[in-house]
Amino acid sequence: MELKGRETSERKAPKTLEEAYELRDASATPEERGFYQEHVYRLRAKKYRSRGIRIEESVRRRERSRAEALQAENEGARRPWWRWVLGRWK
């Protein structure tokens, strides 16, 4: 199956998180980017589990931070520095 860039059989399955990021960022099509983004999610989850970090909590923190950033962006204002700094330790 041809996908505007590489054929599906030519796609390389990344072994490290860094390699997955590089392949994702170098993707030529949205489909290819999605393919590598799934590998990023899988490898990041594996790394978190090895460190004893509960994935669900990490995802919630990341989504909350992203929602706050989008809200601030839509309001045309930046988050206060103290909110940004202290928010990392919640």
Protein backbone atom coordinates (compact mmCIF):
# COMPACT_ATOMS: atom_id res chain seq x y z
CA MET A 1 0.00 0.00 0.00
CA GLU A 2 1.50 3.32 -1.08
CA LEU A 3 1.14 6.26 1.34
CA LYS A 4 2.49 9.40 -0.42
CA GLY A 5 5.84 8.91 1.29
CA ARG A 6 7.00 5.49 2.28
CA GLU A 7 5.27 2.21 1.78
CA THR A 8 3.84 0.62 4.92
CA SER A 9 6.35 -2.22 4.71
CA GLU A 10 9.22 0.31 4.58
CA ARG A 11 8.25 2.02 7.83
CA LYS A 12 10.81 1.47 10.49
CA ALA A 13 9.64 0.48 13.97
CA PRO A 14 11.69 2.65 16.35
CA LYS A 15 13.45 0.94 19.24
CA THR A 16 14.09 4.04 21.38
CA LEU A 17 11.97 7.02 22.34
CA GLU A 18 14.48 9.43 20.80
CA GLU A 19 14.38 7.53 17.51
CA ALA A 20 10.57 7.61 17.56
CA TYR A 21 10.62 11.40 18.06
CA GLU A 22 13.06 11.85 15.17
CA LEU A 23 11.05 9.68 12.80
CA ARG A 24 7.79 11.38 13.82
CA ASP A 25 9.24 14.85 13.26
CA ALA A 26 10.67 13.87 9.87
CA SER A 27 7.38 12.39 8.65
CA ALA A 28 6.16 13.49 5.23
CA THR A 29 2.43 12.76 5.69
CA PRO A 30 -0.10 12.94 8.52
CA GLU A 31 -0.61 9.17 8.30
CA GLU A 32 3.09 8.53 8.72
CA ARG A 33 3.26 11.02 11.60
CA GLY A 34 0.36 9.22 13.31
CA PHE A 35 2.10 5.88 12.88
CA TYR A 36 5.23 7.15 14.62
CA GLN A 37 3.24 9.06 17.26
CA GLU A 38 1.71 5.75 18.35
CA HIS A 39 5.23 4.43 18.84
CA VAL A 40 6.09 7.53 20.88
CA TYR A 41 3.09 6.86 23.17
CA ARG A 42 4.00 3.19 23.55
CA LEU A 43 7.69 3.79 24.25
CA ARG A 44 6.96 6.66 26.65
CA ALA A 45 4.53 4.47 28.60
CA LYS A 46 7.15 1.73 28.77
CA LYS A 47 9.72 4.23 30.09
CA TYR A 48 7.30 5.56 32.71
CA ARG A 49 6.43 2.06 33.90
CA SER A 50 10.12 1.22 34.28
CA ARG A 51 10.53 4.28 36.51
CA GLY A 52 7.48 3.40 38.58
CA ILE A 53 5.47 6.40 37.35
CA ARG A 54 1.77 5.80 37.06
CA ILE A 55 0.86 6.60 33.48
CA GLU A 56 -2.69 7.76 34.22
CA GLU A 57 -1.51 10.50 36.58
CA SER A 58 1.12 11.69 34.14
CA VAL A 59 -1.41 11.87 31.31
CA ARG A 60 -3.86 13.82 33.48
CA ARG A 61 -1.17 16.34 34.48
CA ARG A 62 -0.09 16.76 30.88
CA GLU A 63 -3.68 17.23 29.64
CA ARG A 64 -4.47 19.72 32.42
CA SER A 65 -1.34 21.72 31.57
CA ARG A 66 -2.21 21.63 27.87
CA ALA A 67 -5.77 22.79 28.54
CA GLU A 68 -4.51 25.69 30.67
CA ALA A 69 -2.03 26.71 27.97
CA LEU A 70 -4.73 26.61 25.27
CA GLN A 71 -7.08 28.64 27.44
CA ALA A 72 -4.39 31.25 28.11
CA GLU A 73 -3.55 31.34 24.40
CA ASN A 74 -7.20 31.87 23.49
CA GLU A 75 -7.47 34.70 26.00
CA GLY A 76 -4.35 36.29 24.55
CA ALA A 77 -2.58 36.17 27.91
CA ARG A 78 0.36 34.20 29.19
CA ARG A 79 0.24 32.07 32.28
CA PRO A 80 1.87 33.81 35.24
CA TRP A 81 5.43 32.62 35.84
CA TRP A 82 4.57 31.30 39.30
CA ARG A 83 1.74 29.20 37.88
CA TRP A 84 4.08 27.73 35.30
CA VAL A 85 6.84 26.98 37.81
CA LEU A 86 4.65 25.69 40.63
CA GLY A 87 2.42 23.75 38.25
CA ARG A 88 5.27 21.37 37.47
CA TRP A 89 5.20 19.95 41.00
CA LYS A 90 1.49 19.28 41.30
